[in-house]
């Protein structure tokens, strides 16, 4: 129960931080920096999501993302694309990240322990 609450708090914090950073970055043209910071900050949260499912996390980031996608039925393509440098760092990318964080936050609200 405490893990779920902590994850909810972390997601909401990341979402608020991303939104604030996005607004500042538009003025400063630092969208790329925001996108790069998002991936590592989500890893501990992904570990927590796997823990809630009683799963052990794989060693690779890609493996973690694959399991999260399958178990929670969400699309992490924006993260994978950024991680592999296949995506341009644009306002659209940040918007997709914000939507992803909102989706993850809603998902946490639905988890029953």
N, C-alpha and C. Protein backbone atom coordinates (compact mmCIF):
# COMPACT_ATOMS: atom_id res chain seq x y z
N UNK A 1 0.82 -1.18 0.00
CA UNK A 1 0.00 0.00 0.00
C UNK A 1 0.87 1.26 0.00
N UNK A 2 1.94 1.25 0.80
CA UNK A 2 2.82 2.40 0.86
C UNK A 2 3.58 2.60 -0.44
N UNK A 3 3.94 1.50 -1.09
CA UNK A 3 4.66 1.60 -2.37
C UNK A 3 3.77 2.28 -3.39
N UNK A 4 2.51 1.89 -3.45
CA UNK A 4 1.59 2.50 -4.39
C UNK A 4 1.45 3.99 -4.13
N UNK A 5 1.32 4.37 -2.89
CA UNK A 5 1.20 5.80 -2.57
C UNK A 5 2.45 6.57 -2.95
N UNK A 6 3.59 5.96 -2.69
CA UNK A 6 4.85 6.60 -3.05
C UNK A 6 4.95 6.76 -4.57
N UNK A 7 4.53 5.72 -5.30
CA UNK A 7 4.56 5.80 -6.77
C UNK A 7 3.61 6.89 -7.26
N UNK A 8 2.43 6.98 -6.68
CA UNK A 8 1.50 8.04 -7.07
C UNK A 8 2.14 9.41 -6.85
N UNK A 9 2.76 9.58 -5.70
CA UNK A 9 3.41 10.84 -5.40
C UNK A 9 4.51 11.15 -6.41
N UNK A 10 5.34 10.14 -6.70
CA UNK A 10 6.45 10.33 -7.65
C UNK A 10 5.93 10.69 -9.04
N UNK A 11 4.90 9.98 -9.50
CA UNK A 11 4.35 10.28 -10.81
C UNK A 11 3.81 11.70 -10.87
N UNK A 12 3.05 12.07 -9.88
CA UNK A 12 2.48 13.41 -9.90
C UNK A 12 3.58 14.47 -9.83
N UNK A 13 4.61 14.20 -9.06
CA UNK A 13 5.74 15.14 -8.98
C UNK A 13 6.44 15.26 -10.33
N UNK A 14 6.67 14.12 -10.97
CA UNK A 14 7.34 14.13 -12.28
C UNK A 14 6.48 14.86 -13.31
N UNK A 15 5.19 14.64 -13.27
CA UNK A 15 4.29 15.29 -14.21
C UNK A 15 4.29 16.79 -14.01
N UNK A 16 4.20 17.23 -12.79
CA UNK A 16 4.23 18.67 -12.50
C UNK A 16 5.57 19.26 -12.92
N UNK A 17 6.66 18.58 -12.58
CA UNK A 17 8.00 19.05 -12.94
C UNK A 17 8.15 19.14 -14.46
N UNK A 18 7.67 18.12 -15.17
CA UNK A 18 7.78 18.12 -16.63
C UNK A 18 6.99 19.28 -17.23
N UNK A 19 5.82 19.51 -16.74
CA UNK A 19 5.00 20.62 -17.25
C UNK A 19 5.66 21.96 -17.00
N UNK A 20 6.19 22.15 -15.80
CA UNK A 20 6.86 23.41 -15.48
C UNK A 20 8.12 23.58 -16.34
N UNK A 21 8.88 22.52 -16.46
CA UNK A 21 10.10 22.59 -17.27
C UNK A 21 9.78 22.87 -18.72
N UNK A 22 8.72 22.28 -19.19
CA UNK A 22 8.29 22.49 -20.58
C UNK A 22 7.98 23.96 -20.83
N UNK A 23 7.23 24.57 -19.92
CA UNK A 23 6.89 25.98 -20.09
C UNK A 23 8.13 26.86 -20.08
N UNK A 24 9.08 26.53 -19.21
CA UNK A 24 10.33 27.29 -19.17
C UNK A 24 11.17 27.03 -20.41
N UNK A 25 11.18 25.80 -20.88
CA UNK A 25 12.01 25.43 -22.02
C UNK A 25 11.55 26.06 -23.31
N UNK A 26 10.27 26.25 -23.44
CA UNK A 26 9.76 26.90 -24.65
C UNK A 26 10.41 28.26 -24.80
N UNK A 27 10.56 28.93 -23.67
CA UNK A 27 11.19 30.24 -23.72
C UNK A 27 12.69 30.14 -23.96
N UNK A 28 13.30 29.08 -23.40
CA UNK A 28 14.76 28.96 -23.48
C UNK A 28 15.23 27.99 -24.55
N UNK A 29 14.31 27.33 -25.22
CA UNK A 29 14.65 26.36 -26.27
C UNK A 29 15.48 25.20 -25.71
N UNK A 30 15.08 24.69 -24.54
CA UNK A 30 15.79 23.58 -23.91
C UNK A 30 14.95 22.30 -23.88
N UNK A 31 14.17 22.09 -24.89
CA UNK A 31 13.28 20.94 -24.94
C UNK A 31 14.07 19.64 -24.92
N UNK A 32 15.19 19.58 -25.59
CA UNK A 32 16.00 18.37 -25.64
C UNK A 32 16.46 17.96 -24.24
N UNK A 33 16.88 18.91 -23.44
CA UNK A 33 17.35 18.63 -22.08
C UNK A 33 16.24 18.01 -21.24
N UNK A 34 15.04 18.52 -21.36
CA UNK A 34 13.91 17.98 -20.60
C UNK A 34 13.67 16.53 -20.98
N UNK A 35 13.64 16.26 -22.26
CA UNK A 35 13.37 14.90 -22.73
C UNK A 35 14.44 13.93 -22.23
N UNK A 36 15.69 14.34 -22.27
CA UNK A 36 16.78 13.46 -21.83
C UNK A 36 16.70 13.18 -20.33
N UNK A 37 16.24 14.13 -19.55
CA UNK A 37 16.14 13.95 -18.10
C UNK A 37 14.99 13.02 -17.71
N UNK A 38 13.98 12.93 -18.53
CA UNK A 38 12.78 12.18 -18.18
C UNK A 38 13.04 10.69 -18.04
N UNK A 39 13.79 10.10 -18.95
CA UNK A 39 13.98 8.65 -18.96
C UNK A 39 14.62 8.15 -17.66
N UNK A 40 15.75 8.69 -17.22
CA UNK A 40 16.34 8.17 -15.98
C UNK A 40 15.48 8.41 -14.74
N UNK A 41 14.70 9.48 -14.73
CA UNK A 41 13.89 9.73 -13.55
C UNK A 41 12.70 8.78 -13.45
N UNK A 42 12.32 8.18 -14.56
CA UNK A 42 11.20 7.23 -14.54
C UNK A 42 11.61 5.82 -14.14
N UNK A 43 12.87 5.49 -14.25
CA UNK A 43 13.31 4.12 -13.95
C UNK A 43 12.94 3.66 -12.54
N UNK A 44 13.20 4.43 -11.49
CA UNK A 44 12.80 3.96 -10.16
C UNK A 44 11.29 3.73 -10.05
N UNK A 45 10.53 4.53 -10.76
CA UNK A 45 9.08 4.36 -10.76
C UNK A 45 8.70 3.06 -11.46
N UNK A 46 9.38 2.76 -12.55
CA UNK A 46 9.12 1.50 -13.25
C UNK A 46 9.47 0.30 -12.36
N UNK A 47 10.57 0.42 -11.63
CA UNK A 47 10.93 -0.66 -10.69
C UNK A 47 9.81 -0.87 -9.67
N UNK A 48 9.25 0.23 -9.18
CA UNK A 48 8.15 0.13 -8.23
C UNK A 48 6.92 -0.53 -8.83
N UNK A 49 6.62 -0.20 -10.09
CA UNK A 49 5.48 -0.83 -10.76
C UNK A 49 5.69 -2.34 -10.91
N UNK A 50 6.91 -2.73 -11.22
CA UNK A 50 7.21 -4.17 -11.33
C UNK A 50 7.09 -4.83 -9.96
N UNK A 51 7.56 -4.15 -8.95
CA UNK A 51 7.46 -4.67 -7.59
C UNK A 51 6.01 -4.92 -7.20
N UNK A 52 5.14 -3.99 -7.56
CA UNK A 52 3.72 -4.15 -7.24
C UNK A 52 3.11 -5.37 -7.93
N UNK A 53 3.67 -5.78 -9.05
CA UNK A 53 3.20 -6.98 -9.75
C UNK A 53 3.95 -8.23 -9.29
N UNK A 54 4.85 -8.06 -8.30
CA UNK A 54 5.61 -9.20 -7.80
C UNK A 54 6.66 -9.69 -8.78
N UNK A 55 7.15 -8.80 -9.60
CA UNK A 55 8.12 -9.17 -10.64
C UNK A 55 9.49 -8.60 -10.35
N UNK A 56 10.46 -9.31 -10.82
CA UNK A 56 11.84 -8.84 -10.74
C UNK A 56 12.17 -8.09 -12.02
N UNK A 57 12.86 -6.99 -11.89
CA UNK A 57 13.19 -6.17 -13.05
C UNK A 57 14.35 -6.78 -13.83
N UNK A 58 14.24 -6.80 -15.15
CA UNK A 58 15.38 -7.23 -15.97
C UNK A 58 16.52 -6.22 -15.84
N UNK A 59 17.67 -6.60 -16.33
CA UNK A 59 18.84 -5.72 -16.21
C UNK A 59 18.84 -4.58 -17.21
N UNK A 60 18.19 -4.76 -18.34
CA UNK A 60 18.24 -3.72 -19.37
C UNK A 60 17.03 -2.79 -19.27
N UNK A 61 17.24 -1.56 -19.64
CA UNK A 61 16.16 -0.58 -19.66
C UNK A 61 15.08 -1.02 -20.66
N UNK A 62 15.52 -1.54 -21.78
CA UNK A 62 14.58 -2.00 -22.80
C UNK A 62 13.70 -3.12 -22.25
N UNK A 63 14.30 -4.04 -21.49
CA UNK A 63 13.55 -5.14 -20.90
C UNK A 63 12.51 -4.64 -19.91
N UNK A 64 12.90 -3.66 -19.11
CA UNK A 64 11.98 -3.07 -18.15
C UNK A 64 10.81 -2.42 -18.87
N UNK A 65 11.12 -1.66 -19.91
CA UNK A 65 10.08 -0.99 -20.67
C UNK A 65 9.13 -2.00 -21.32
N UNK A 66 9.69 -3.07 -21.87
CA UNK A 66 8.85 -4.09 -22.51
C UNK A 66 7.88 -4.72 -21.52
N UNK A 67 8.36 -5.05 -20.34
CA UNK A 67 7.49 -5.66 -19.33
C UNK A 67 6.42 -4.67 -18.86
N UNK A 68 6.81 -3.43 -18.64
CA UNK A 68 5.84 -2.42 -18.22
C UNK A 68 4.75 -2.28 -19.28
N UNK A 69 5.15 -2.25 -20.54
CA UNK A 69 4.16 -2.13 -21.61
C UNK A 69 3.19 -3.31 -21.61
N UNK A 70 3.72 -4.51 -21.47
CA UNK A 70 2.88 -5.70 -21.53
C UNK A 70 1.99 -5.83 -20.29
N UNK A 71 2.56 -5.67 -19.11
CA UNK A 71 1.82 -5.89 -17.88
C UNK A 71 0.79 -4.79 -17.60
N UNK A 72 1.12 -3.56 -17.98
CA UNK A 72 0.22 -2.45 -17.69
C UNK A 72 -0.51 -1.95 -18.94
N UNK A 73 -0.22 -2.56 -20.07
CA UNK A 73 -0.90 -2.24 -21.34
C UNK A 73 -0.84 -0.74 -21.66
N UNK A 74 0.37 -0.21 -21.64
CA UNK A 74 0.58 1.18 -22.01
C UNK A 74 1.67 1.24 -23.07
N UNK A 75 1.69 2.30 -23.82
CA UNK A 75 2.64 2.47 -24.91
C UNK A 75 3.78 3.40 -24.45
N UNK A 76 4.98 2.84 -24.41
CA UNK A 76 6.16 3.62 -24.01
C UNK A 76 7.02 3.99 -25.22
N UNK A 77 6.42 4.00 -26.39
CA UNK A 77 7.17 4.24 -27.62
C UNK A 77 7.92 5.57 -27.59
N UNK A 78 7.33 6.60 -27.01
CA UNK A 78 8.00 7.90 -26.96
C UNK A 78 9.31 7.79 -26.17
N UNK A 79 9.31 7.03 -25.07
CA UNK A 79 10.54 6.84 -24.29
C UNK A 79 11.57 6.05 -25.08
N UNK A 80 11.12 4.98 -25.71
CA UNK A 80 12.03 4.15 -26.49
C UNK A 80 12.65 4.93 -27.64
N UNK A 81 11.84 5.73 -28.28
CA UNK A 81 12.31 6.54 -29.39
C UNK A 81 13.35 7.56 -28.94
N UNK A 82 13.10 8.20 -27.80
CA UNK A 82 14.07 9.17 -27.27
C UNK A 82 15.36 8.48 -26.84
N UNK A 83 15.18 7.32 -26.23
CA UNK A 83 16.34 6.58 -25.74
C UNK A 83 17.26 6.15 -26.89
N UNK A 84 16.65 5.79 -28.01
CA UNK A 84 17.42 5.34 -29.17
C UNK A 84 17.77 6.47 -30.12
N UNK A 85 17.48 7.70 -29.70
CA UNK A 85 17.73 8.89 -30.51
C UNK A 85 17.04 8.84 -31.87
N UNK A 86 15.86 8.19 -31.91
CA UNK A 86 15.09 8.11 -33.15
C UNK A 86 14.04 9.21 -33.23
N UNK A 87 13.96 10.02 -32.22
CA UNK A 87 12.93 11.05 -32.19
C UNK A 87 13.59 12.41 -32.07
N UNK A 88 12.97 13.36 -32.72
CA UNK A 88 13.46 14.72 -32.58
C UNK A 88 12.90 15.30 -31.29
N UNK A 89 13.67 16.12 -30.66
CA UNK A 89 13.25 16.76 -29.42
C UNK A 89 12.42 17.98 -29.77
N UNK A 90 11.14 17.79 -29.72
CA UNK A 90 10.24 18.86 -30.11
C UNK A 90 9.19 19.08 -29.04
N UNK A 91 8.41 20.10 -29.24
CA UNK A 91 7.30 20.36 -28.32
C UNK A 91 6.34 19.17 -28.34
N UNK A 92 6.17 18.56 -29.49
CA UNK A 92 5.28 17.40 -29.61
C UNK A 92 5.78 16.24 -28.76
N UNK A 93 7.10 16.05 -28.71
CA UNK A 93 7.68 14.99 -27.88
C UNK A 93 7.36 15.24 -26.40
N UNK A 94 7.51 16.46 -25.96
CA UNK A 94 7.22 16.79 -24.58
C UNK A 94 5.74 16.58 -24.28
N UNK A 95 4.89 16.95 -25.21
CA UNK A 95 3.46 16.73 -25.02
C UNK A 95 3.16 15.24 -24.87
N UNK A 96 3.82 14.41 -25.67
CA UNK A 96 3.64 12.96 -25.57
C UNK A 96 4.13 12.44 -24.22
N UNK A 97 5.23 13.00 -23.72
CA UNK A 97 5.73 12.60 -22.41
C UNK A 97 4.75 12.98 -21.31
N UNK A 98 4.16 14.15 -21.42
CA UNK A 98 3.18 14.59 -20.43
C UNK A 98 1.96 13.68 -20.46
N UNK A 99 1.51 13.31 -21.64
CA UNK A 99 0.38 12.39 -21.76
C UNK A 99 0.74 11.04 -21.16
N UNK A 100 1.96 10.56 -21.42
CA UNK A 100 2.40 9.29 -20.86
C UNK A 100 2.38 9.33 -19.33
N UNK A 101 2.91 10.39 -18.75
CA UNK A 101 2.93 10.51 -17.29
C UNK A 101 1.51 10.59 -16.73
N UNK A 102 0.64 11.28 -17.42
CA UNK A 102 -0.75 11.34 -16.98
C UNK A 102 -1.39 9.96 -17.02
N UNK A 103 -1.10 9.21 -18.08
CA UNK A 103 -1.62 7.85 -18.21
C UNK A 103 -1.10 6.96 -17.09
N UNK A 104 0.18 7.06 -16.80
CA UNK A 104 0.76 6.27 -15.71
C UNK A 104 0.16 6.64 -14.37
N UNK A 105 -0.08 7.91 -14.18
CA UNK A 105 -0.70 8.37 -12.93
C UNK A 105 -2.11 7.80 -12.79
N UNK A 106 -2.88 7.83 -13.86
CA UNK A 106 -4.23 7.25 -13.83
C UNK A 106 -4.17 5.75 -13.57
N UNK A 107 -3.19 5.11 -14.16
CA UNK A 107 -3.03 3.66 -13.96
C UNK A 107 -2.78 3.35 -12.50
N UNK A 108 -1.95 4.15 -11.86
CA UNK A 108 -1.66 3.94 -10.44
C UNK A 108 -2.91 4.09 -9.57
N UNK A 109 -3.75 5.03 -9.96
CA UNK A 109 -4.99 5.22 -9.20
C UNK A 109 -5.87 3.97 -9.24
N UNK A 110 -5.74 3.19 -10.32
CA UNK A 110 -6.59 2.01 -10.50
C UNK A 110 -6.02 0.77 -9.84
N UNK A 111 -4.76 0.77 -9.45
CA UNK A 111 -4.13 -0.41 -8.88
C UNK A 111 -4.73 -0.69 -7.50
N UNK A 112 -5.15 -1.92 -7.34
CA UNK A 112 -5.69 -2.35 -6.06
C UNK A 112 -4.65 -3.23 -5.36
N UNK A 113 -4.44 -2.94 -4.09
CA UNK A 113 -3.47 -3.73 -3.33
C UNK A 113 -4.18 -4.49 -2.24
